[in-house]
């Protein structure tokens, strides 16, 4: 999960450089990356404390990773797609 978070953070920085009103796909990628980071971190915290909600958080993490990978693939930025797909597989 940490590699996914780090890849998403780097992707956000890259997309921020490319984003403009004429290229809204980068804004969508940034939003998806932020959701993915939040979901991964939530799942990691729940897992660490063996929360009864960890399975729900795990499902959310997989969904957020899939959405992030799709958004990244649509922009063609390639910044975090592979890391998110790997994280999706480990959470799914």
PDB file of N, CA and C in Angstrom:
ATOM      1  N   UNK A   1       0.812  -1.200   0.000  1.00  0.00           N
ATOM      2  CA  UNK A   1       0.000   0.000   0.000  1.00  0.00           C
ATOM      3  C   UNK A   1       0.851   1.258   0.000  1.00  0.00           C
ATOM      4  N   UNK A   2       1.963   1.212   0.698  1.00  0.00           N
ATOM      5  CA  UNK A   2       2.801   2.410   0.769  1.00  0.00           C
ATOM      6  C   UNK A   2       3.315   2.810  -0.610  1.00  0.00           C
ATOM      7  N   UNK A   3       3.642   1.823  -1.444  1.00  0.00           N
ATOM      8  CA  UNK A   3       4.121   2.168  -2.786  1.00  0.00           C
ATOM      9  C   UNK A   3       3.016   2.832  -3.600  1.00  0.00           C
ATOM     10  N   UNK A   4       1.785   2.414  -3.388  1.00  0.00           N
ATOM     11  CA  UNK A   4       0.648   3.026  -4.073  1.00  0.00           C
ATOM     12  C   UNK A   4       0.479   4.473  -3.619  1.00  0.00           C
ATOM     13  N   UNK A   5       0.546   4.690  -2.319  1.00  0.00           N
ATOM     14  CA  UNK A   5       0.417   6.048  -1.780  1.00  0.00           C
ATOM     15  C   UNK A   5       1.515   6.952  -2.341  1.00  0.00           C
ATOM     16  N   UNK A   6       2.739   6.449  -2.340  1.00  0.00           N
ATOM     17  CA  UNK A   6       3.858   7.250  -2.847  1.00  0.00           C
ATOM     18  C   UNK A   6       3.702   7.534  -4.341  1.00  0.00           C
ATOM     19  N   UNK A   7       3.254   6.535  -5.106  1.00  0.00           N
ATOM     20  CA  UNK A   7       3.042   6.729  -6.542  1.00  0.00           C
ATOM     21  C   UNK A   7       1.925   7.746  -6.788  1.00  0.00           C
ATOM     22  N   UNK A   8       0.865   7.674  -5.988  1.00  0.00           N
ATOM     23  CA  UNK A   8      -0.237   8.635  -6.127  1.00  0.00           C
ATOM     24  C   UNK A   8       0.214  10.054  -5.792  1.00  0.00           C
ATOM     25  N   UNK A   9       1.031  10.191  -4.755  1.00  0.00           N
ATOM     26  CA  UNK A   9       1.528  11.527  -4.401  1.00  0.00           C
ATOM     27  C   UNK A   9       2.372  12.113  -5.530  1.00  0.00           C
ATOM     28  N   UNK A  10       3.211  11.277  -6.141  1.00  0.00           N
ATOM     29  CA  UNK A  10       4.026  11.740  -7.267  1.00  0.00           C
ATOM     30  C   UNK A  10       3.152  12.065  -8.476  1.00  0.00           C
ATOM     31  N   UNK A  11       2.133  11.253  -8.700  1.00  0.00           N
ATOM     32  CA  UNK A  11       1.224  11.476  -9.824  1.00  0.00           C
ATOM     33  C   UNK A  11       0.473  12.799  -9.653  1.00  0.00           C
ATOM     34  N   UNK A  12       0.052  13.083  -8.430  1.00  0.00           N
ATOM     35  CA  UNK A  12      -0.630  14.355  -8.164  1.00  0.00           C
ATOM     36  C   UNK A  12       0.273  15.524  -8.547  1.00  0.00           C
ATOM     37  N   UNK A  13       1.525  15.467  -8.136  1.00  0.00           N
ATOM     38  CA  UNK A  13       2.454  16.554  -8.456  1.00  0.00           C
ATOM     39  C   UNK A  13       2.627  16.701  -9.967  1.00  0.00           C
ATOM     40  N   UNK A  14       2.729  15.573 -10.660  1.00  0.00           N
ATOM     41  CA  UNK A  14       2.879  15.597 -12.113  1.00  0.00           C
ATOM     42  C   UNK A  14       1.626  16.171 -12.780  1.00  0.00           C
ATOM     43  N   UNK A  15       0.452  15.723 -12.341  1.00  0.00           N
ATOM     44  CA  UNK A  15      -0.803  16.198 -12.927  1.00  0.00           C
ATOM     45  C   UNK A  15      -1.045  17.678 -12.633  1.00  0.00           C
ATOM     46  N   UNK A  16      -0.613  18.138 -11.471  1.00  0.00           N
ATOM     47  CA  UNK A  16      -0.766  19.560 -11.152  1.00  0.00           C
ATOM     48  C   UNK A  16      -0.004  20.429 -12.148  1.00  0.00           C
ATOM     49  N   UNK A  17       1.119  19.926 -12.615  1.00  0.00           N
ATOM     50  CA  UNK A  17       1.907  20.671 -13.601  1.00  0.00           C
ATOM     51  C   UNK A  17       1.207  20.713 -14.957  1.00  0.00           C
ATOM     52  N   UNK A  18       0.431  19.679 -15.264  1.00  0.00           N
ATOM     53  CA  UNK A  18      -0.211  19.558 -16.576  1.00  0.00           C
ATOM     54  C   UNK A  18      -1.642  20.093 -16.597  1.00  0.00           C
ATOM     55  N   UNK A  19      -2.257  20.233 -15.453  1.00  0.00           N
ATOM     56  CA  UNK A  19      -3.681  20.590 -15.380  1.00  0.00           C
ATOM     57  C   UNK A  19      -3.944  21.987 -15.916  1.00  0.00           C
ATOM     58  N   UNK A  20      -5.062  22.102 -16.611  1.00  0.00           N
ATOM     59  CA  UNK A  20      -5.523  23.397 -17.107  1.00  0.00           C
ATOM     60  C   UNK A  20      -7.018  23.264 -17.406  1.00  0.00           C
ATOM     61  N   UNK A  21      -7.700  24.379 -17.617  1.00  0.00           N
ATOM     62  CA  UNK A  21      -9.127  24.287 -17.949  1.00  0.00           C
ATOM     63  C   UNK A  21      -9.385  23.476 -19.224  1.00  0.00           C
ATOM     64  N   UNK A  22      -8.412  23.431 -20.112  1.00  0.00           N
ATOM     65  CA  UNK A  22      -8.559  22.679 -21.356  1.00  0.00           C
ATOM     66  C   UNK A  22      -8.299  21.180 -21.174  1.00  0.00           C
ATOM     67  N   UNK A  23      -7.797  20.789 -20.027  1.00  0.00           N
ATOM     68  CA  UNK A  23      -7.474  19.373 -19.791  1.00  0.00           C
ATOM     69  C   UNK A  23      -8.030  18.917 -18.435  1.00  0.00           C
ATOM     70  N   UNK A  24      -9.364  18.797 -18.352  1.00  0.00           N
ATOM     71  CA  UNK A  24      -9.999  18.444 -17.080  1.00  0.00           C
ATOM     72  C   UNK A  24      -9.692  17.022 -16.609  1.00  0.00           C
ATOM     73  N   UNK A  25      -9.176  16.167 -17.508  1.00  0.00           N
ATOM     74  CA  UNK A  25      -8.869  14.802 -17.106  1.00  0.00           C
ATOM     75  C   UNK A  25      -7.794  14.767 -16.013  1.00  0.00           C
ATOM     76  N   UNK A  26      -6.926  15.762 -16.001  1.00  0.00           N
ATOM     77  CA  UNK A  26      -5.894  15.787 -14.955  1.00  0.00           C
ATOM     78  C   UNK A  26      -6.508  16.084 -13.593  1.00  0.00           C
ATOM     79  N   UNK A  27      -7.529  16.936 -13.569  1.00  0.00           N
ATOM     80  CA  UNK A  27      -8.222  17.218 -12.305  1.00  0.00           C
ATOM     81  C   UNK A  27      -8.896  15.951 -11.791  1.00  0.00           C
ATOM     82  N   UNK A  28      -9.480  15.169 -12.703  1.00  0.00           N
ATOM     83  CA  UNK A  28     -10.117  13.907 -12.306  1.00  0.00           C
ATOM     84  C   UNK A  28      -9.082  12.927 -11.775  1.00  0.00           C
ATOM     85  N   UNK A  29      -7.915  12.892 -12.387  1.00  0.00           N
ATOM     86  CA  UNK A  29      -6.848  12.002 -11.931  1.00  0.00           C
ATOM     87  C   UNK A  29      -6.364  12.419 -10.542  1.00  0.00           C
ATOM     88  N   UNK A  30      -6.218  13.711 -10.333  1.00  0.00           N
ATOM     89  CA  UNK A  30      -5.787  14.224  -9.020  1.00  0.00           C
ATOM     90  C   UNK A  30      -6.801  13.825  -7.950  1.00  0.00           C
ATOM     91  N   UNK A  31      -8.075  14.009  -8.242  1.00  0.00           N
ATOM     92  CA  UNK A  31      -9.123  13.650  -7.271  1.00  0.00           C
ATOM     93  C   UNK A  31      -9.096  12.158  -6.973  1.00  0.00           C
ATOM     94  N   UNK A  32      -8.935  11.336  -8.016  1.00  0.00           N
ATOM     95  CA  UNK A  32      -8.885   9.884  -7.820  1.00  0.00           C
ATOM     96  C   UNK A  32      -7.664   9.486  -6.995  1.00  0.00           C
ATOM     97  N   UNK A  33      -6.540  10.137  -7.248  1.00  0.00           N
ATOM     98  CA  UNK A  33      -5.326   9.862  -6.466  1.00  0.00           C
ATOM     99  C   UNK A  33      -5.538  10.218  -4.994  1.00  0.00           C
ATOM    100  N   UNK A  34      -6.172  11.331  -4.748  1.00  0.00           N
ATOM    101  CA  UNK A  34      -6.418  11.732  -3.349  1.00  0.00           C
ATOM    102  C   UNK A  34      -7.349  10.746  -2.652  1.00  0.00           C
ATOM    103  N   UNK A  35      -8.382  10.301  -3.363  1.00  0.00           N
ATOM    104  CA  UNK A  35      -9.281   9.283  -2.792  1.00  0.00           C
ATOM    105  C   UNK A  35      -8.522   8.003  -2.498  1.00  0.00           C
ATOM    106  N   UNK A  36      -7.662   7.617  -3.408  1.00  0.00           N
ATOM    107  CA  UNK A  36      -6.887   6.388  -3.244  1.00  0.00           C
ATOM    108  C   UNK A  36      -5.967   6.479  -2.030  1.00  0.00           C
ATOM    109  N   UNK A  37      -5.280   7.592  -1.893  1.00  0.00           N
ATOM    110  CA  UNK A  37      -4.398   7.796  -0.741  1.00  0.00           C
ATOM    111  C   UNK A  37      -5.195   7.684   0.554  1.00  0.00           C
ATOM    112  N   UNK A  38      -6.318   8.387   0.614  1.00  0.00           N
ATOM    113  CA  UNK A  38      -7.137   8.365   1.832  1.00  0.00           C
ATOM    114  C   UNK A  38      -7.630   6.958   2.148  1.00  0.00           C
ATOM    115  N   UNK A  39      -8.092   6.231   1.122  1.00  0.00           N
ATOM    116  CA  UNK A  39      -8.616   4.875   1.345  1.00  0.00           C
ATOM    117  C   UNK A  39      -7.508   3.925   1.797  1.00  0.00           C
ATOM    118  N   UNK A  40      -6.342   4.017   1.182  1.00  0.00           N
ATOM    119  CA  UNK A  40      -5.217   3.159   1.574  1.00  0.00           C
ATOM    120  C   UNK A  40      -4.790   3.433   3.013  1.00  0.00           C
ATOM    121  N   UNK A  41      -4.698   4.699   3.363  1.00  0.00           N
ATOM    122  CA  UNK A  41      -4.282   5.050   4.727  1.00  0.00           C
ATOM    123  C   UNK A  41      -5.327   4.631   5.754  1.00  0.00           C
ATOM    124  N   UNK A  42      -6.607   4.771   5.418  1.00  0.00           N
ATOM    125  CA  UNK A  42      -7.673   4.336   6.319  1.00  0.00           C
ATOM    126  C   UNK A  42      -7.587   2.833   6.543  1.00  0.00           C
ATOM    127  N   UNK A  43      -7.455   2.087   5.458  1.00  0.00           N
ATOM    128  CA  UNK A  43      -7.364   0.635   5.586  1.00  0.00           C
ATOM    129  C   UNK A  43      -6.144   0.231   6.418  1.00  0.00           C
ATOM    130  N   UNK A  44      -5.029   0.871   6.195  1.00  0.00           N
ATOM    131  CA  UNK A  44      -3.817   0.540   6.958  1.00  0.00           C
ATOM    132  C   UNK A  44      -4.021   0.792   8.453  1.00  0.00           C
ATOM    133  N   UNK A  45      -4.677   1.888   8.796  1.00  0.00           N
ATOM    134  CA  UNK A  45      -4.941   2.184  10.214  1.00  0.00           C
ATOM    135  C   UNK A  45      -5.896   1.165  10.820  1.00  0.00           C
ATOM    136  N   UNK A  46      -6.969   0.828  10.096  1.00  0.00           N
ATOM    137  CA  UNK A  46      -7.934  -0.148  10.604  1.00  0.00           C
ATOM    138  C   UNK A  46      -7.302  -1.527  10.752  1.00  0.00           C
ATOM    139  N   UNK A  47      -6.485  -1.897   9.806  1.00  0.00           N
ATOM    140  CA  UNK A  47      -5.809  -3.198   9.846  1.00  0.00           C
ATOM    141  C   UNK A  47      -4.841  -3.253  11.038  1.00  0.00           C
ATOM    142  N   UNK A  48      -4.118  -2.178  11.261  1.00  0.00           N
ATOM    143  CA  UNK A  48      -3.145  -2.138  12.348  1.00  0.00           C
ATOM    144  C   UNK A  48      -3.784  -2.323  13.718  1.00  0.00           C
ATOM    145  N   UNK A  49      -4.989  -1.796  13.863  1.00  0.00           N
ATOM    146  CA  UNK A  49      -5.638  -1.925  15.168  1.00  0.00           C
ATOM    147  C   UNK A  49      -6.711  -3.017  15.187  1.00  0.00           C
ATOM    148  N   UNK A  50      -6.721  -3.818  14.124  1.00  0.00           N
ATOM    149  CA  UNK A  50      -7.654  -4.933  14.011  1.00  0.00           C
ATOM    150  C   UNK A  50      -9.104  -4.501  14.221  1.00  0.00           C
ATOM    151  N   UNK A  51      -9.446  -3.389  13.599  1.00  0.00           N
ATOM    152  CA  UNK A  51     -10.804  -2.853  13.691  1.00  0.00           C
ATOM    153  C   UNK A  51     -11.802  -3.818  13.066  1.00  0.00           C
ATOM    154  N   UNK A  52     -12.982  -3.908  13.647  1.00  0.00           N
ATOM    155  CA  UNK A  52     -14.010  -4.733  13.019  1.00  0.00           C
ATOM    156  C   UNK A  52     -14.465  -4.163  11.665  1.00  0.00           C
ATOM    157  N   UNK A  53     -14.100  -2.945  11.374  1.00  0.00           N
ATOM    158  CA  UNK A  53     -14.450  -2.311  10.104  1.00  0.00           C
ATOM    159  C   UNK A  53     -13.378  -2.496   9.034  1.00  0.00           C
ATOM    160  N   UNK A  54     -12.345  -3.261   9.350  1.00  0.00           N
ATOM    161  CA  UNK A  54     -11.229  -3.372   8.409  1.00  0.00           C
ATOM    162  C   UNK A  54     -11.616  -4.021   7.088  1.00  0.00           C
ATOM    163  N   UNK A  55     -12.552  -4.957   7.085  1.00  0.00           N
ATOM    164  CA  UNK A  55     -12.959  -5.576   5.818  1.00  0.00           C
ATOM    165  C   UNK A  55     -13.671  -4.566   4.925  1.00  0.00           C
ATOM    166  N   UNK A  56     -14.496  -3.724   5.521  1.00  0.00           N
ATOM    167  CA  UNK A  56     -15.160  -2.671   4.738  1.00  0.00           C
ATOM    168  C   UNK A  56     -14.124  -1.689   4.194  1.00  0.00           C
ATOM    169  N   UNK A  57     -13.136  -1.364   5.012  1.00  0.00           N
ATOM    170  CA  UNK A  57     -12.079  -0.456   4.572  1.00  0.00           C
ATOM    171  C   UNK A  57     -11.233  -1.101   3.475  1.00  0.00           C
ATOM    172  N   UNK A  58     -11.033  -2.406   3.564  1.00  0.00           N
ATOM    173  CA  UNK A  58     -10.274  -3.132   2.549  1.00  0.00           C
ATOM    174  C   UNK A  58     -11.001  -3.082   1.208  1.00  0.00           C
ATOM    175  N   UNK A  59     -12.311  -3.257   1.234  1.00  0.00           N
ATOM    176  CA  UNK A  59     -13.118  -3.183   0.016  1.00  0.00           C
ATOM    177  C   UNK A  59     -13.064  -1.778  -0.569  1.00  0.00           C
ATOM    178  N   UNK A  60     -13.195  -0.786   0.293  1.00  0.00           N
ATOM    179  CA  UNK A  60     -13.112   0.606  -0.151  1.00  0.00           C
ATOM    180  C   UNK A  60     -11.749   0.882  -0.776  1.00  0.00           C
ATOM    181  N   UNK A  61     -10.698   0.379  -0.166  1.00  0.00           N
ATOM    182  CA  UNK A  61      -9.343   0.573  -0.681  1.00  0.00           C
ATOM    183  C   UNK A  61      -9.228  -0.015  -2.086  1.00  0.00           C
ATOM    184  N   UNK A  62      -9.721  -1.222  -2.277  1.00  0.00           N
ATOM    185  CA  UNK A  62      -9.654  -1.857  -3.597  1.00  0.00           C
ATOM    186  C   UNK A  62     -10.439  -1.042  -4.629  1.00  0.00           C
ATOM    187  N   UNK A  63     -11.603  -0.560  -4.255  1.00  0.00           N
ATOM    188  CA  UNK A  63     -12.420   0.248  -5.176  1.00  0.00           C
ATOM    189  C   UNK A  63     -11.716   1.556  -5.525  1.00  0.00           C
ATOM    190  N   UNK A  64     -11.129   2.202  -4.526  1.00  0.00           N
ATOM    191  CA  UNK A  64     -10.437   3.474  -4.766  1.00  0.00           C
ATOM    192  C   UNK A  64      -9.201   3.265  -5.637  1.00  0.00           C
ATOM    193  N   UNK A  65      -8.493   2.177  -5.409  1.00  0.00           N
ATOM    194  CA  UNK A  65      -7.310   1.873  -6.223  1.00  0.00           C
ATOM    195  C   UNK A  65      -7.701   1.611  -7.672  1.00  0.00           C
ATOM    196  N   UNK A  66      -8.793   0.879  -7.890  1.00  0.00           N
ATOM    197  CA  UNK A  66      -9.263   0.598  -9.251  1.00  0.00           C
ATOM    198  C   UNK A  66      -9.662   1.890  -9.954  1.00  0.00           C
ATOM    199  N   UNK A  67     -10.393   2.744  -9.260  1.00  0.00           N
ATOM    200  CA  UNK A  67     -10.822   4.015  -9.846  1.00  0.00           C
ATOM    201  C   UNK A  67      -9.626   4.905 -10.161  1.00  0.00           C
ATOM    202  N   UNK A  68      -8.645   4.879  -9.293  1.00  0.00           N
ATOM    203  CA  UNK A  68      -7.449   5.687  -9.499  1.00  0.00           C
ATOM    204  C   UNK A  68      -6.674   5.182 -10.718  1.00  0.00           C
ATOM    205  N   UNK A  69      -6.507   3.876 -10.816  1.00  0.00           N
ATOM    206  CA  UNK A  69      -5.792   3.308 -11.958  1.00  0.00           C
ATOM    207  C   UNK A  69      -6.499   3.662 -13.265  1.00  0.00           C
ATOM    208  N   UNK A  70      -7.826   3.581 -13.267  1.00  0.00           N
ATOM    209  CA  UNK A  70      -8.594   3.926 -14.473  1.00  0.00           C
ATOM    210  C   UNK A  70      -8.411   5.389 -14.848  1.00  0.00           C
ATOM    211  N   UNK A  71      -8.470   6.270 -13.856  1.00  0.00           N
ATOM    212  CA  UNK A  71      -8.294   7.701 -14.123  1.00  0.00           C
ATOM    213  C   UNK A  71      -6.890   7.980 -14.647  1.00  0.00           C
ATOM    214  N   UNK A  72      -5.908   7.319 -14.070  1.00  0.00           N
ATOM    215  CA  UNK A  72      -4.526   7.514 -14.493  1.00  0.00           C
ATOM    216  C   UNK A  72      -4.333   7.005 -15.921  1.00  0.00           C
ATOM    217  N   UNK A  73      -4.936   5.872 -16.224  1.00  0.00           N
ATOM    218  CA  UNK A  73      -4.831   5.311 -17.567  1.00  0.00           C
ATOM    219  C   UNK A  73      -5.516   6.210 -18.599  1.00  0.00           C
ATOM    220  N   UNK A  74      -6.626   6.856 -18.223  1.00  0.00           N
ATOM    221  CA  UNK A  74      -7.334   7.747 -19.150  1.00  0.00           C
ATOM    222  C   UNK A  74      -6.507   8.974 -19.493  1.00  0.00           C
ATOM    223  N   UNK A  75      -5.757   9.479 -18.529  1.00  0.00           N
ATOM    224  CA  UNK A  75      -4.946  10.666 -18.802  1.00  0.00           C
ATOM    225  C   UNK A  75      -3.698  10.314 -19.588  1.00  0.00           C
ATOM    226  N   UNK A  76      -3.297   9.056 -19.493  1.00  0.00           N
ATOM    227  CA  UNK A  76      -2.068   8.645 -20.149  1.00  0.00           C
ATOM    228  C   UNK A  76      -0.829   9.050 -19.384  1.00  0.00           C
ATOM    229  N   UNK A  77      -1.037   9.569 -18.186  1.00  0.00           N
ATOM    230  CA  UNK A  77       0.118  10.029 -17.411  1.00  0.00           C
ATOM    231  C   UNK A  77       0.948   8.844 -16.906  1.00  0.00           C
ATOM    232  N   UNK A  78       0.304   7.725 -16.653  1.00  0.00           N
ATOM    233  CA  UNK A  78       1.026   6.531 -16.236  1.00  0.00           C
ATOM    234  C   UNK A  78       1.707   6.644 -14.894  1.00  0.00           C
ATOM    235  N   UNK A  79       1.415   7.709 -14.180  1.00  0.00           N
ATOM    236  CA  UNK A  79       2.111   7.965 -12.931  1.00  0.00           C
ATOM    237  C   UNK A  79       1.919   6.927 -11.854  1.00  0.00           C
ATOM    238  N   UNK A  80       0.712   6.421 -11.708  1.00  0.00           N
ATOM    239  CA  UNK A  80       0.468   5.512 -10.589  1.00  0.00           C
ATOM    240  C   UNK A  80      -0.393   4.321 -10.958  1.00  0.00           C
ATOM    241  N   UNK A  81      -0.759   4.194 -12.215  1.00  0.00           N
ATOM    242  CA  UNK A  81      -1.659   3.133 -12.636  1.00  0.00           C
ATOM    243  C   UNK A  81      -1.216   1.745 -12.218  1.00  0.00           C
ATOM    244  N   UNK A  82       0.034   1.404 -12.469  1.00  0.00           N
ATOM    245  CA  UNK A  82       0.517   0.054 -12.140  1.00  0.00           C
ATOM    246  C   UNK A  82       0.534  -0.177 -10.640  1.00  0.00           C
ATOM    247  N   UNK A  83       0.963   0.824  -9.879  1.00  0.00           N
ATOM    248  CA  UNK A  83       1.000   0.677  -8.414  1.00  0.00           C
ATOM    249  C   UNK A  83      -0.412   0.531  -7.866  1.00  0.00           C
ATOM    250  N   UNK A  84      -1.349   1.274  -8.420  1.00  0.00           N
ATOM    251  CA  UNK A  84      -2.737   1.169  -7.951  1.00  0.00           C
ATOM    252  C   UNK A  84      -3.350  -0.177  -8.315  1.00  0.00           C
ATOM    253  N   UNK A  85      -3.016  -0.698  -9.487  1.00  0.00           N
ATOM    254  CA  UNK A  85      -3.530  -2.026  -9.866  1.00  0.00           C
ATOM    255  C   UNK A  85      -2.966  -3.107  -8.928  1.00  0.00           C
ATOM    256  N   UNK A  86      -1.701  -2.981  -8.570  1.00  0.00           N
ATOM    257  CA  UNK A  86      -1.097  -3.946  -7.643  1.00  0.00           C
ATOM    258  C   UNK A  86      -1.742  -3.855  -6.273  1.00  0.00           C
ATOM    259  N   UNK A  87      -2.007  -2.646  -5.815  1.00  0.00           N
ATOM    260  CA  UNK A  87      -2.653  -2.453  -4.516  1.00  0.00           C
ATOM    261  C   UNK A  87      -4.085  -2.949  -4.562  1.00  0.00           C
ATOM    262  N   UNK A  88      -4.776  -2.721  -5.659  1.00  0.00           N
ATOM    263  CA  UNK A  88      -6.141  -3.213  -5.827  1.00  0.00           C
ATOM    264  C   UNK A  88      -6.160  -4.737  -5.683  1.00  0.00           C
ATOM    265  N   UNK A  89      -5.201  -5.401  -6.305  1.00  0.00           N
ATOM    266  CA  UNK A  89      -5.122  -6.862  -6.246  1.00  0.00           C
ATOM    267  C   UNK A  89      -4.869  -7.351  -4.831  1.00  0.00           C
ATOM    268  N   UNK A  90      -4.023  -6.653  -4.100  1.00  0.00           N
ATOM    269  CA  UNK A  90      -3.717  -7.089  -2.737  1.00  0.00           C
ATOM    270  C   UNK A  90      -4.872  -6.802  -1.773  1.00  0.00           C
ATOM    271  N   UNK A  91      -5.694  -5.813  -2.092  1.00  0.00           N
ATOM    272  CA  UNK A  91      -6.833  -5.479  -1.232  1.00  0.00           C
ATOM    273  C   UNK A  91      -8.085  -6.242  -1.627  1.00  0.00           C
ATOM    274  N   UNK A  92      -8.163  -6.666  -2.880  1.00  0.00           N
ATOM    275  CA  UNK A  92      -9.376  -7.296  -3.403  1.00  0.00           C
ATOM    276  C   UNK A  92      -9.608  -8.694  -2.958  1.00  0.00           C
TER     277      UNK A  92
END
